[in-house]
């Protein structure tokens, strides 16, 4: 598991271990908070861009899950070459290590919200044209193309998961990324949410626990398609998202409209029929997922207050 401490990776690791599947995880932060013995969970602390550490981490594995952060859909920077190297370079090291080891399959977490660009129609199937309009989308698509090339030339097996907008407990808010976490934080702090344009563009929000369930299910399968969408098939605008979170939290969320950015796609909703043929795919409804996050946040706050009073 590469990137085993992030929003998705940590959930995948836990589910694999609970299913009795031994895991090796590589992360510069290590892995904290598990009761599983070393025979089940092997932790390698290091950087995925270190070829020696990476080779040692994946040696002997039959499945490799690549959940390493490859940047965010942020404003294009003044260092595009360095950005591309940081985003795609570690994956190339992984592919080279897999080419040497052989016999492995790679699961790559791509972006269903960026690689398609502005689609001609919704929902978007895996066969739709890919025409990214942001650096983030270009990075993800470049990574996909490298996977396809290594598969063709060296026979490396791979499966690309193009996931919708992921949200879940513990999501880190980054610039231009993490709409659910951002609005939930606004509900807590009573600060205004910046909405791009009118806020009518649709996004397909996928609960992080659902994506982890998909990965754990698919690693046990053979003969998988090379590209699979992971979405709900339901589009939600940022205005609708704010209304849902306002209802769940019982707060009035202030909105401040700002000009749209040229590299943001319009509306994107994913067709997940292909995934539904592979497993029992019943995604968590957005309001249910958000309500659970809010309840757990409130529980943590209540416990923290009790500790302070003691």
Protein backbone atom coordinates (compact mmCIF):
# COMPACT_ATOMS: atom_id res chain seq x y z
CA UNK A 1 0.00 0.00 0.00
CA UNK A 2 1.67 3.19 -1.19
CA UNK A 3 0.22 6.18 0.62
CA UNK A 4 -1.31 4.12 3.42
CA UNK A 5 -1.92 6.95 5.87
CA UNK A 6 -4.09 9.22 3.73
CA UNK A 7 -7.84 9.63 3.54
CA UNK A 8 -8.24 6.60 1.28
CA UNK A 9 -5.10 4.60 1.99
CA UNK A 10 -5.67 4.32 5.73
CA UNK A 11 -9.15 2.94 5.14
CA UNK A 12 -7.91 0.43 2.58
CA UNK A 13 -5.20 -0.81 4.94
CA UNK A 14 -7.68 -1.32 7.79
CA UNK A 15 -10.19 -3.15 5.58
CA UNK A 16 -7.52 -5.42 4.10
CA UNK A 17 -6.21 -6.33 7.54
CA UNK A 18 -9.70 -7.03 8.87
CA UNK A 19 -10.24 -9.29 5.87
CA UNK A 20 -7.14 -11.26 6.89
CA UNK A 21 -4.99 -9.98 4.02
CA UNK A 22 -1.40 -9.11 5.07
CA UNK A 23 -0.33 -5.58 4.14
CA UNK A 24 2.92 -3.72 3.68
CA UNK A 25 2.44 0.04 3.77
CA UNK A 26 4.95 2.68 2.72
CA UNK A 27 4.58 6.22 3.98
CA UNK A 28 6.90 8.93 5.20
CA UNK A 29 4.69 9.22 8.31
CA UNK A 30 4.69 5.51 9.15
CA UNK A 31 1.43 3.97 10.33
CA UNK A 32 -0.10 4.84 13.69
CA UNK A 33 -2.96 3.47 15.71
CA UNK A 34 -3.21 -0.19 14.76
CA UNK A 35 -3.40 -3.27 16.95
CA UNK A 36 -2.44 -5.64 14.15
CA UNK A 37 0.77 -7.66 14.68
CA UNK A 38 3.85 -7.28 12.44
CA UNK A 39 2.99 -10.61 10.77
CA UNK A 40 -0.08 -8.90 9.29
CA UNK A 41 1.06 -5.29 8.94
CA UNK A 42 4.57 -4.42 7.82
CA UNK A 43 5.33 -0.72 8.02
CA UNK A 44 8.02 0.87 5.88
CA UNK A 45 8.82 4.48 6.72
CA UNK A 46 10.23 6.43 3.81
CA UNK A 47 9.61 8.42 0.68
CA UNK A 48 7.99 6.83 -2.36
CA UNK A 49 10.46 8.78 -4.50
CA UNK A 50 13.36 6.82 -2.94
CA UNK A 51 13.90 3.92 -5.37
CA UNK A 52 15.73 1.74 -2.82
CA UNK A 53 13.05 2.14 -0.13
CA UNK A 54 10.31 1.63 -2.68
CA UNK A 55 11.88 -1.56 -4.07
CA UNK A 56 12.19 -3.02 -0.57
CA UNK A 57 8.58 -2.10 0.24
CA UNK A 58 6.94 -3.81 -2.75
CA UNK A 59 9.27 -6.82 -2.96
CA UNK A 60 7.22 -10.01 -2.76
CA UNK A 61 3.86 -8.27 -3.20
CA UNK A 62 1.28 -9.46 -5.70
CA UNK A 63 -0.96 -6.36 -5.52
CA UNK A 64 0.20 -2.75 -5.28
CA UNK A 65 -2.26 0.03 -4.45
CA UNK A 66 -1.01 3.49 -5.44
CA UNK A 67 -2.80 6.08 -3.32
CA UNK A 68 0.02 8.60 -3.23
CA UNK A 69 -1.14 12.19 -3.42
CA UNK A 70 -0.39 13.64 -6.83
CA UNK A 71 -1.22 17.26 -6.09
CA UNK A 72 -4.56 19.02 -6.02
CA UNK A 73 -6.70 20.86 -8.56
CA UNK A 74 -4.97 24.10 -7.59
CA UNK A 75 -4.06 27.23 -9.48
CA UNK A 76 -1.32 26.48 -12.06
CA UNK A 77 2.07 27.31 -10.56
CA UNK A 78 5.13 28.93 -12.09
CA UNK A 79 7.05 25.62 -11.99
CA UNK A 80 5.09 23.27 -14.28
CA UNK A 81 8.07 20.98 -15.03
CA UNK A 82 8.83 20.47 -11.35
CA UNK A 83 5.14 19.97 -10.61
CA UNK A 84 4.88 17.27 -13.27
CA UNK A 85 7.96 15.50 -11.93
CA UNK A 86 6.57 15.51 -8.39
CA UNK A 87 3.19 14.27 -9.58
CA UNK A 88 4.26 11.53 -12.00
CA UNK A 89 7.88 10.76 -11.06
CA UNK A 90 7.11 8.46 -8.09
CA UNK A 91 4.73 6.39 -10.24
CA UNK A 92 7.47 5.82 -12.80
CA UNK A 93 9.73 4.54 -10.02
CA UNK A 94 6.96 2.15 -8.98
CA UNK A 95 6.51 0.91 -12.54
CA UNK A 96 10.24 0.36 -12.93
CA UNK A 97 10.34 -1.58 -9.67
CA UNK A 98 7.37 -3.67 -10.80
CA UNK A 99 9.03 -4.33 -14.14
CA UNK A 100 12.05 -5.76 -12.32
CA UNK A 101 10.04 -7.78 -9.80
CA UNK A 102 7.29 -8.89 -12.24
CA UNK A 103 4.09 -10.74 -11.37
CA UNK A 104 2.41 -7.77 -9.68
CA UNK A 105 -0.76 -5.83 -10.43
CA UNK A 106 -1.09 -2.10 -9.79
CA UNK A 107 -4.26 -0.29 -8.72
CA UNK A 108 -3.96 3.40 -9.51
CA UNK A 109 -6.29 6.03 -8.05
CA UNK A 110 -6.94 8.53 -10.82
CA UNK A 111 -9.48 11.34 -11.02
CA UNK A 112 -12.94 10.98 -12.47
CA UNK A 113 -13.46 14.67 -11.89
CA UNK A 114 -10.48 15.96 -13.88
CA UNK A 115 -9.29 13.61 -16.65
CA UNK A 116 -12.52 13.90 -18.68
CA UNK A 117 -12.46 17.69 -18.80
CA UNK A 118 -15.81 19.11 -19.90
CA UNK A 119 -17.76 16.08 -21.18
CA UNK A 120 -20.25 16.30 -24.02
CA UNK A 121 -22.93 14.51 -21.98
CA UNK A 122 -23.62 13.15 -18.50
CA UNK A 123 -23.14 10.73 -16.90
CA UNK A 124 -19.65 10.02 -18.27
CA UNK A 125 -18.62 6.46 -19.17
CA UNK A 126 -15.07 5.13 -19.17
CA UNK A 127 -15.03 5.27 -22.97
CA UNK A 128 -15.68 9.03 -23.11
CA UNK A 129 -12.88 11.23 -24.48
CA UNK A 130 -10.28 12.42 -21.97
CA UNK A 131 -9.54 16.12 -22.39
CA UNK A 132 -8.32 17.58 -19.08
CA UNK A 133 -8.24 21.37 -18.74
CA UNK A 134 -6.29 21.58 -15.45
CA UNK A 135 -2.70 20.68 -14.54
CA UNK A 136 -4.08 18.13 -12.06
CA UNK A 137 -6.10 16.42 -14.78
CA UNK A 138 -3.10 16.41 -17.11
CA UNK A 139 -0.92 14.82 -14.41
CA UNK A 140 -3.46 12.10 -13.75
CA UNK A 141 -3.96 11.38 -17.44
CA UNK A 142 -0.19 11.32 -18.04
CA UNK A 143 0.10 8.74 -15.25
CA UNK A 144 -2.65 6.67 -16.89
CA UNK A 145 -0.81 6.79 -20.22
CA UNK A 146 2.41 5.60 -18.61
CA UNK A 147 0.49 2.71 -17.08
CA UNK A 148 -0.90 1.78 -20.47
CA UNK A 149 2.57 1.96 -22.04
CA UNK A 150 4.17 -0.21 -19.35
CA UNK A 151 1.29 -2.64 -19.69
CA UNK A 152 1.76 -2.87 -23.45
CA UNK A 153 5.56 -3.04 -23.50
CA UNK A 154 6.34 -4.94 -20.30
CA UNK A 155 3.08 -6.77 -19.59
CA UNK A 156 2.47 -5.06 -16.25
CA UNK A 157 -1.08 -5.62 -15.07
CA UNK A 158 -2.98 -2.59 -13.87
CA UNK A 159 -6.40 -1.24 -13.00
CA UNK A 160 -7.20 2.47 -13.03
CA UNK A 161 -9.96 3.69 -10.73
CA UNK A 162 -11.37 7.05 -11.82
CA UNK A 163 -13.11 8.18 -8.66
CA UNK A 164 -15.46 11.09 -8.16
CA UNK A 165 -14.98 13.82 -5.54
CA UNK A 166 -13.92 11.93 -2.44
CA UNK A 167 -14.98 13.05 1.04
CA UNK A 168 -14.82 11.51 4.49
CA UNK A 169 -13.82 11.83 8.14
CA UNK A 170 -10.43 13.44 8.63
CA UNK A 171 -10.20 14.97 5.16
CA UNK A 172 -7.51 17.64 4.99
CA UNK A 173 -8.72 20.89 3.46
CA UNK A 174 -6.48 22.10 0.65
CA UNK A 175 -6.80 25.04 -1.66
CA UNK A 176 -9.38 24.20 -4.30
CA UNK A 177 -9.95 20.73 -2.91
CA UNK A 178 -12.27 19.09 -0.36
CA UNK A 179 -15.62 20.84 -0.79
CA UNK A 180 -17.46 18.78 1.85
CA UNK A 181 -14.76 19.32 4.47
CA UNK A 182 -14.59 23.02 3.62
CA UNK A 183 -18.34 23.56 4.02
CA UNK A 184 -18.45 21.49 7.22
CA UNK A 185 -15.68 23.65 8.62
CA UNK A 186 -17.67 26.75 7.67
CA UNK A 187 -20.65 25.32 9.55
CA UNK A 188 -18.48 24.95 12.65
CA UNK A 189 -16.69 28.28 12.45
CA UNK A 190 -19.56 30.35 11.01
CA UNK A 191 -17.18 31.65 8.33
CA UNK A 192 -18.33 32.30 4.78
CA UNK A 193 -17.80 29.76 2.00
CA UNK A 194 -16.30 31.00 -1.26
CA UNK A 195 -18.38 29.71 -4.16
CA UNK A 196 -17.00 29.80 -7.67
CA UNK A 197 -19.44 31.42 -10.09
CA UNK A 198 -23.11 30.71 -9.49
CA UNK A 199 -22.47 27.36 -7.78
CA UNK A 200 -24.62 25.41 -10.21
CA UNK A 201 -21.99 23.02 -11.60
CA UNK A 202 -22.48 19.39 -10.58
CA UNK A 203 -20.02 17.08 -8.86
CA UNK A 204 -20.22 13.38 -8.05
CA UNK A 205 -19.39 12.97 -4.35
CA UNK A 206 -18.08 9.56 -3.26
CA UNK A 207 -17.70 8.53 0.38
CA UNK A 208 -14.09 7.53 1.13
CA UNK A 209 -15.21 4.37 2.93
CA UNK A 210 -17.07 3.30 -0.21
CA UNK A 211 -13.96 3.73 -2.37
CA UNK A 212 -11.95 1.71 0.14
CA UNK A 213 -14.58 -1.04 -0.02
CA UNK A 214 -14.27 -1.07 -3.81
CA UNK A 215 -10.50 -1.44 -3.68
CA UNK A 216 -10.60 -4.26 -1.14
CA UNK A 217 -13.22 -6.06 -3.22
CA UNK A 218 -11.32 -5.68 -6.49
CA UNK A 219 -7.88 -6.76 -5.25
CA UNK A 220 -9.32 -10.25 -4.84
CA UNK A 221 -10.64 -10.33 -8.43
CA UNK A 222 -8.88 -11.33 -11.64
CA UNK A 223 -9.44 -10.22 -15.24
CA UNK A 224 -10.50 -6.71 -14.32
CA UNK A 225 -11.12 -3.93 -16.85
CA UNK A 226 -8.19 -1.54 -17.13
CA UNK A 227 -10.33 1.53 -16.36
CA UNK A 228 -13.26 1.68 -13.90
CA UNK A 229 -15.30 4.68 -12.85
CA UNK A 230 -16.17 4.91 -9.16
CA UNK A 231 -19.07 7.33 -8.80
CA UNK A 232 -22.63 7.52 -7.56
CA UNK A 233 -24.28 8.59 -10.79
CA UNK A 234 -25.82 11.50 -8.86
CA UNK A 235 -24.74 15.08 -9.45
CA UNK A 236 -24.82 17.65 -6.65
CA UNK A 237 -24.13 21.36 -7.09
CA UNK A 238 -22.17 23.32 -4.50
CA UNK A 239 -25.36 25.23 -3.71
CA UNK A 240 -27.15 21.94 -3.05
CA UNK A 241 -24.18 20.71 -0.99
CA UNK A 242 -24.31 23.84 1.17
CA UNK A 243 -28.05 23.34 1.68
CA UNK A 244 -27.54 19.69 2.68
CA UNK A 245 -24.81 20.56 5.17
CA UNK A 246 -26.84 23.45 6.51
CA UNK A 247 -29.77 21.10 7.12
CA UNK A 248 -27.60 18.39 8.71
CA UNK A 249 -25.78 20.82 11.01
CA UNK A 250 -28.70 23.12 11.71
CA UNK A 251 -26.68 26.17 10.69
CA UNK A 252 -27.03 28.93 8.13
CA UNK A 253 -23.90 28.92 6.01
CA UNK A 254 -22.87 32.27 4.57
CA UNK A 255 -21.81 32.30 0.92
CA UNK A 256 -19.45 34.64 -0.88
CA UNK A 257 -19.41 34.30 -4.67
CA UNK A 258 -16.07 34.66 -6.46
CA UNK A 259 -15.24 34.48 -10.17
CA UNK A 260 -14.90 30.97 -11.64
CA UNK A 261 -11.45 29.66 -12.56
CA UNK A 262 -10.63 28.75 -16.17
CA UNK A 263 -9.22 25.32 -15.25
CA UNK A 264 -12.30 24.05 -13.37
CA UNK A 265 -14.57 21.69 -15.27
CA UNK A 266 -18.26 22.52 -15.56
CA UNK A 267 -20.38 19.57 -14.43
CA UNK A 268 -19.15 16.00 -14.01
CA UNK A 269 -21.14 12.92 -13.01
CA UNK A 270 -19.78 9.40 -13.45
CA UNK A 271 -21.45 6.36 -14.96
CA UNK A 272 -20.51 3.37 -12.77
CA UNK A 273 -22.36 0.60 -14.62
CA UNK A 274 -19.05 -1.14 -15.28
CA UNK A 275 -18.31 -1.26 -11.56
CA UNK A 276 -21.81 -2.56 -10.85
CA UNK A 277 -21.13 -5.60 -13.04
CA UNK A 278 -18.13 -6.47 -10.87
CA UNK A 279 -19.57 -6.06 -7.37
CA UNK A 280 -22.62 -5.07 -5.38
CA UNK A 281 -22.14 -1.32 -5.73
CA UNK A 282 -24.49 0.64 -3.51
CA UNK A 283 -22.83 3.98 -2.72
CA UNK A 284 -23.63 5.84 0.47
CA UNK A 285 -26.14 8.66 -0.13
CA UNK A 286 -24.45 12.04 0.27
CA UNK A 287 -26.68 13.25 3.09
CA UNK A 288 -26.13 10.01 5.02
CA UNK A 289 -22.36 10.25 4.68
CA UNK A 290 -22.30 13.91 5.72
CA UNK A 291 -24.60 13.27 8.70
CA UNK A 292 -22.26 10.54 9.95
CA UNK A 293 -19.21 12.79 9.66
CA UNK A 294 -20.98 15.60 11.52
CA UNK A 295 -22.12 13.29 14.32
CA UNK A 296 -18.59 11.99 14.80
CA UNK A 297 -17.19 15.52 14.78
CA UNK A 298 -19.65 16.54 17.47
CA UNK A 299 -18.77 13.45 19.50
CA UNK A 300 -15.08 14.33 19.39
CA UNK A 301 -15.81 17.89 20.47
CA UNK A 302 -17.94 16.66 23.38
CA UNK A 303 -15.19 14.28 24.55
CA UNK A 304 -12.58 17.01 24.27
CA UNK A 305 -14.73 19.37 26.36
CA UNK A 306 -15.19 16.69 29.02
CA UNK A 307 -11.44 16.14 29.19
CA UNK A 308 -10.86 19.89 29.60
CA UNK A 309 -13.36 20.07 32.45
CA UNK A 310 -11.64 17.23 34.26
